[in-house]
Amino acid sequence: MIKGKPPGRYSENELLQVASEHCMVSPGNILLIGGGSVLPQISGFKMLRPRSEDLDFVANSEGVEALRANASLLDSGTIGRASGEFLFRDCYNGVHVAVFPEGVRGFRFSEPDYLNSRQVETESGKVYAVGPELNTALKIRRGSSKKDNPHIYAKDAMDFATMVTGANIRETPFDVKRWEEYMKRGVCRDCLLGEKAGCIEALAYGATNLKTEFRKHVYDKIEQCRNCAYHFCRK
């Protein structure tokens, strides 16, 4: 456990330190996903909702083998399988960590997904993270594929607004065509939402949490996503 810190109370830099230590075991083969990749130093904009206290990663076969072989990481816990899918560790330095091998709950990562990852220099070390387009698709998939009460989580809508705003500030705008490819590849086929392009309508909620000067850009991206979704949505 990080010295002097009770469980579940870590600064952004402490979380990023753990993220960097994992990513750098096999650079480019272990990617930060989920709420961790919305941390301000990764997204480029402040989070609009409370910070996640755990970290999720996806790793290809090379990354998985590197983690298994890394004794310094294994000292703090054990790597094994949960639900037939996770490579997991209860905690590392007090931070809960999960590593998904090859993909996330049925969404399989391809080699280009690793090649298109973002290398971010943070105050706590280099982190390899998925881009906002793939992270958005994964967040949509998590809620839209729930068998009981499928819906888009409010925190994921806020994360969308965070990531789109941050990407614009970094002058690397959210790429709607790339997002569309991810949606077609492994999200829409498992969608249980009853409304056509319902995921996009739910994402619009996130923009209401932004200051006025940032809203227009997010609403513009939502409209672009909506126009794309109406062409490929099966509803």
Protein backbone atom coordinates (compact mmCIF):
# COMPACT_ATOMS: atom_id res chain seq x y z
CA MET A 1 0.00 0.00 0.00
CA ILE A 2 1.20 3.52 -0.71
CA LYS A 3 2.75 4.63 2.57
CA GLY A 4 0.41 6.64 4.79
CA LYS A 5 -2.61 6.29 2.51
CA PRO A 6 -5.81 4.51 3.53
CA PRO A 7 -7.37 2.32 0.80
CA GLY A 8 -9.32 4.20 -1.85
CA ARG A 9 -7.78 7.64 -1.33
CA TYR A 10 -5.15 8.25 -3.94
CA SER A 11 -4.12 11.34 -5.86
CA GLU A 12 -4.07 11.44 -9.63
CA ASN A 13 -0.27 11.19 -9.60
CA GLU A 14 -0.35 8.12 -7.37
CA LEU A 15 -2.82 6.40 -9.68
CA LEU A 16 -0.74 7.39 -12.70
CA GLN A 17 2.38 6.00 -11.04
CA VAL A 18 0.69 2.60 -10.80
CA ALA A 19 -0.60 2.95 -14.38
CA SER A 20 2.86 3.79 -15.69
CA GLU A 21 4.50 0.90 -13.83
CA HIS A 22 2.10 -1.51 -15.52
CA CYS A 23 2.26 0.02 -19.00
CA MET A 24 6.05 0.17 -19.02
CA VAL A 25 6.42 -3.54 -18.28
CA SER A 26 5.81 -3.98 -22.02
CA PRO A 27 5.44 -0.56 -23.71
CA GLY A 28 2.60 -0.43 -26.20
CA ASN A 29 1.32 -3.90 -25.31
CA ILE A 30 -0.52 -2.96 -22.10
CA LEU A 31 -3.07 -0.15 -22.45
CA LEU A 32 -4.96 1.85 -19.85
CA ILE A 33 -8.73 1.82 -20.50
CA GLY A 34 -11.90 2.96 -18.75
CA GLY A 35 -12.01 5.63 -16.07
CA GLY A 36 -8.24 5.68 -15.68
CA SER A 37 -7.81 7.06 -19.18
CA VAL A 38 -10.11 9.96 -18.29
CA LEU A 39 -7.76 11.23 -15.58
CA PRO A 40 -6.95 14.88 -16.37
CA GLN A 41 -3.31 14.28 -17.29
CA ILE A 42 -4.41 11.61 -19.77
CA SER A 43 -7.56 13.22 -21.22
CA GLY A 44 -6.29 16.80 -21.16
CA PHE A 45 -9.32 18.11 -19.28
CA LYS A 46 -10.64 17.94 -15.73
CA MET A 47 -12.93 15.03 -14.86
CA LEU A 48 -16.62 15.88 -14.59
CA ARG A 49 -17.40 13.14 -12.06
CA PRO A 50 -15.69 11.57 -9.03
CA ARG A 51 -12.43 9.82 -9.85
CA SER A 52 -12.34 6.03 -10.15
CA GLU A 53 -10.17 4.42 -7.50
CA ASP A 54 -9.25 1.39 -9.61
CA LEU A 55 -7.38 0.93 -12.88
CA ASP A 56 -8.27 -1.28 -15.85
CA PHE A 57 -5.95 -2.39 -18.63
CA VAL A 58 -6.10 -4.53 -21.74
CA ALA A 59 -3.02 -6.48 -22.80
CA ASN A 60 -2.07 -8.48 -25.87
CA SER A 61 -0.28 -11.82 -25.55
CA GLU A 62 3.14 -10.16 -25.31
CA GLY A 63 1.90 -7.85 -22.56
CA VAL A 64 0.29 -10.71 -20.64
CA GLU A 65 3.50 -12.74 -20.68
CA ALA A 66 5.52 -9.72 -19.59
CA LEU A 67 3.20 -9.17 -16.61
CA ARG A 68 3.40 -12.81 -15.62
CA ALA A 69 7.18 -12.62 -15.68
CA ASN A 70 7.43 -9.38 -13.69
CA ALA A 71 8.21 -10.36 -10.13
CA SER A 72 8.02 -6.80 -8.74
CA LEU A 73 4.37 -6.55 -9.71
CA LEU A 74 3.54 -10.06 -8.58
CA ASP A 75 4.93 -9.42 -5.09
CA SER A 76 1.83 -7.39 -4.19
CA GLY A 77 -0.71 -9.97 -5.26
CA THR A 78 -1.41 -12.84 -7.56
CA ILE A 79 -2.32 -12.93 -11.21
CA GLY A 80 -4.99 -15.41 -12.20
CA ARG A 81 -8.33 -15.67 -13.95
CA ALA A 82 -11.74 -14.44 -12.86
CA SER A 83 -14.99 -15.16 -14.69
CA GLY A 84 -12.90 -16.97 -17.30
CA GLU A 85 -11.71 -13.66 -18.69
CA PHE A 86 -9.68 -11.41 -16.39
CA LEU A 87 -6.05 -11.56 -15.70
CA PHE A 88 -6.38 -9.89 -12.33
CA ARG A 89 -4.71 -8.72 -9.17
CA ASP A 90 -6.66 -7.66 -6.10
CA CYS A 91 -4.40 -4.67 -5.55
CA TYR A 92 -0.96 -3.24 -6.23
CA ASN A 93 0.32 -0.66 -3.76
CA GLY A 94 -3.25 -0.51 -2.49
CA VAL A 95 -4.77 0.34 -5.88
CA HIS A 96 -7.21 -2.19 -7.34
CA VAL A 97 -6.03 -3.31 -10.77
CA ALA A 98 -7.61 -5.54 -13.44
CA VAL A 99 -5.99 -6.62 -16.69
CA PHE A 100 -8.11 -8.01 -19.54
CA PRO A 101 -6.24 -10.32 -21.92
CA GLU A 102 -6.76 -9.58 -25.64
CA GLY A 103 -10.07 -7.75 -25.20
CA VAL A 104 -12.85 -6.58 -22.90
CA ARG A 105 -15.95 -8.71 -22.32
CA GLY A 106 -16.21 -9.92 -25.89
CA PHE A 107 -14.75 -6.86 -27.65
CA ARG A 108 -11.51 -8.16 -29.16
CA PHE A 109 -8.60 -5.78 -29.61
CA SER A 110 -6.62 -5.93 -32.85
CA GLU A 111 -3.01 -5.00 -33.55
CA PRO A 112 -3.99 -1.56 -34.94
CA ASP A 113 -5.72 -0.78 -31.62
CA TYR A 114 -2.35 -1.07 -29.90
CA LEU A 115 -0.58 0.84 -32.66
CA ASN A 116 -3.17 3.65 -32.38
CA SER A 117 -2.79 3.96 -28.60
CA ARG A 118 -1.72 7.26 -27.09
CA GLN A 119 1.64 7.65 -25.37
CA VAL A 120 1.15 10.24 -22.65
CA GLU A 121 3.97 11.72 -20.58
CA THR A 122 2.56 12.36 -17.10
CA GLU A 123 4.18 13.70 -13.96
CA SER A 124 4.41 10.10 -12.76
CA GLY A 125 5.79 8.47 -15.91
CA LYS A 126 4.74 7.43 -19.39
CA VAL A 127 1.31 5.83 -19.82
CA TYR A 128 -0.06 4.03 -22.88
CA ALA A 129 -3.81 4.62 -23.12
CA VAL A 130 -6.55 3.92 -25.62
CA GLY A 131 -7.80 6.93 -27.55
CA PRO A 132 -11.09 8.64 -26.67
CA GLU A 133 -12.88 7.05 -29.66
CA LEU A 134 -12.19 3.48 -28.53
CA ASN A 135 -12.71 4.32 -24.87
CA THR A 136 -16.12 5.84 -25.72
CA ALA A 137 -17.11 2.73 -27.69
CA LEU A 138 -16.12 0.48 -24.78
CA LYS A 139 -18.10 2.61 -22.33
CA ILE A 140 -21.18 2.52 -24.58
CA ARG A 141 -20.83 -1.25 -24.93
CA ARG A 142 -20.68 -1.80 -21.16
CA GLY A 143 -24.09 -0.21 -20.61
CA SER A 144 -25.87 -1.00 -23.85
CA SER A 145 -25.15 -4.74 -23.64
CA LYS A 146 -26.44 -5.23 -20.08
CA LYS A 147 -29.06 -7.97 -20.15
CA ASP A 148 -30.98 -6.46 -17.25
CA ASN A 149 -31.81 -2.78 -17.64
CA PRO A 150 -29.52 -1.82 -20.54
CA HIS A 151 -28.63 1.87 -20.36
CA ILE A 152 -25.75 4.30 -20.75
CA TYR A 153 -24.25 5.24 -17.40
CA ALA A 154 -24.36 8.93 -16.49
CA LYS A 155 -20.67 8.84 -15.56
CA ASP A 156 -19.86 7.50 -19.04
CA ALA A 157 -21.75 10.41 -20.61
CA MET A 158 -19.68 12.79 -18.47
CA ASP A 159 -16.51 10.96 -19.47
CA PHE A 160 -17.46 11.40 -23.14
CA ALA A 161 -17.77 15.16 -22.60
CA THR A 162 -14.44 15.16 -20.76
CA MET A 163 -12.62 13.25 -23.49
CA VAL A 164 -14.08 15.25 -26.39
CA THR A 165 -13.23 18.54 -24.69
CA GLY A 166 -9.73 17.38 -23.79
CA ALA A 167 -9.07 16.14 -27.33
CA ASN A 168 -10.13 19.52 -28.71
CA ILE A 169 -7.86 21.37 -26.28
CA ARG A 170 -4.96 19.12 -27.35
CA GLU A 171 -5.81 19.93 -30.99
CA THR A 172 -6.39 16.24 -31.73
CA PRO A 173 -10.18 16.35 -32.24
CA PHE A 174 -12.36 13.33 -31.50
CA ASP A 175 -12.39 11.30 -34.73
CA VAL A 176 -16.02 10.36 -35.44
CA LYS A 177 -15.10 8.02 -38.33
CA ARG A 178 -12.71 6.07 -36.13
CA TRP A 179 -15.38 5.86 -33.42
CA GLU A 180 -17.82 4.57 -36.04
CA GLU A 181 -15.41 1.75 -36.94
CA TYR A 182 -15.22 0.64 -33.31
CA MET A 183 -18.99 0.76 -32.94
CA LYS A 184 -19.55 -1.34 -36.06
CA ARG A 185 -16.85 -3.81 -35.11
CA GLY A 186 -17.92 -4.87 -31.67
CA VAL A 187 -20.51 -2.66 -30.00
CA CYS A 188 -23.73 -2.38 -32.02
CA ARG A 189 -24.08 -6.14 -32.54
CA ASP A 190 -24.55 -6.61 -28.77
CA CYS A 191 -26.69 -3.52 -28.14
CA LEU A 192 -29.92 -4.12 -26.20
CA LEU A 193 -31.13 -0.52 -26.18
CA GLY A 194 -34.58 -0.23 -27.72
CA GLU A 195 -34.17 3.23 -29.25
CA LYS A 196 -32.42 3.94 -32.54
CA ALA A 197 -29.11 5.66 -31.78
CA GLY A 198 -30.21 5.71 -28.15
CA CYS A 199 -26.61 5.64 -26.96
CA ILE A 200 -25.96 9.01 -28.57
CA GLU A 201 -29.00 10.62 -27.00
CA ALA A 202 -27.77 9.42 -23.60
CA LEU A 203 -24.26 10.78 -24.18
CA ALA A 204 -25.68 14.27 -24.68
CA TYR A 205 -26.30 14.44 -20.94
CA GLY A 206 -22.57 14.79 -20.30
CA ALA A 207 -22.36 18.17 -22.05
CA THR A 208 -24.79 19.73 -19.58
CA ASN A 209 -22.04 19.43 -16.94
CA LEU A 210 -19.64 21.61 -18.93
CA LYS A 211 -19.19 25.35 -18.73
CA THR A 212 -20.91 27.16 -21.58
CA GLU A 213 -17.72 27.82 -23.56
CA PHE A 214 -17.04 24.10 -23.92
CA ARG A 215 -20.55 22.85 -24.68
CA LYS A 216 -20.85 23.81 -28.35
CA HIS A 217 -17.93 21.65 -29.45
CA VAL A 218 -19.28 18.62 -27.58
CA TYR A 219 -22.78 19.12 -28.97
CA ASP A 220 -21.28 19.38 -32.47
CA LYS A 221 -19.53 16.02 -31.98
CA ILE A 222 -22.72 14.49 -30.60
CA GLU A 223 -24.56 15.62 -33.73
CA GLN A 224 -21.86 14.12 -35.96
CA CYS A 225 -22.02 10.85 -34.01
CA ARG A 226 -25.83 10.87 -34.23
CA ASN A 227 -25.73 11.33 -38.01
CA CYS A 228 -23.31 8.41 -38.34
CA ALA A 229 -25.25 6.20 -35.96
CA TYR A 230 -28.52 6.62 -37.81
CA HIS A 231 -26.87 5.05 -40.87
CA PHE A 232 -25.49 1.96 -39.16
CA CYS A 233 -27.75 1.48 -36.12
CA ARG A 234 -29.82 -1.69 -36.56
CA LYS A 235 -32.85 -0.48 -34.57
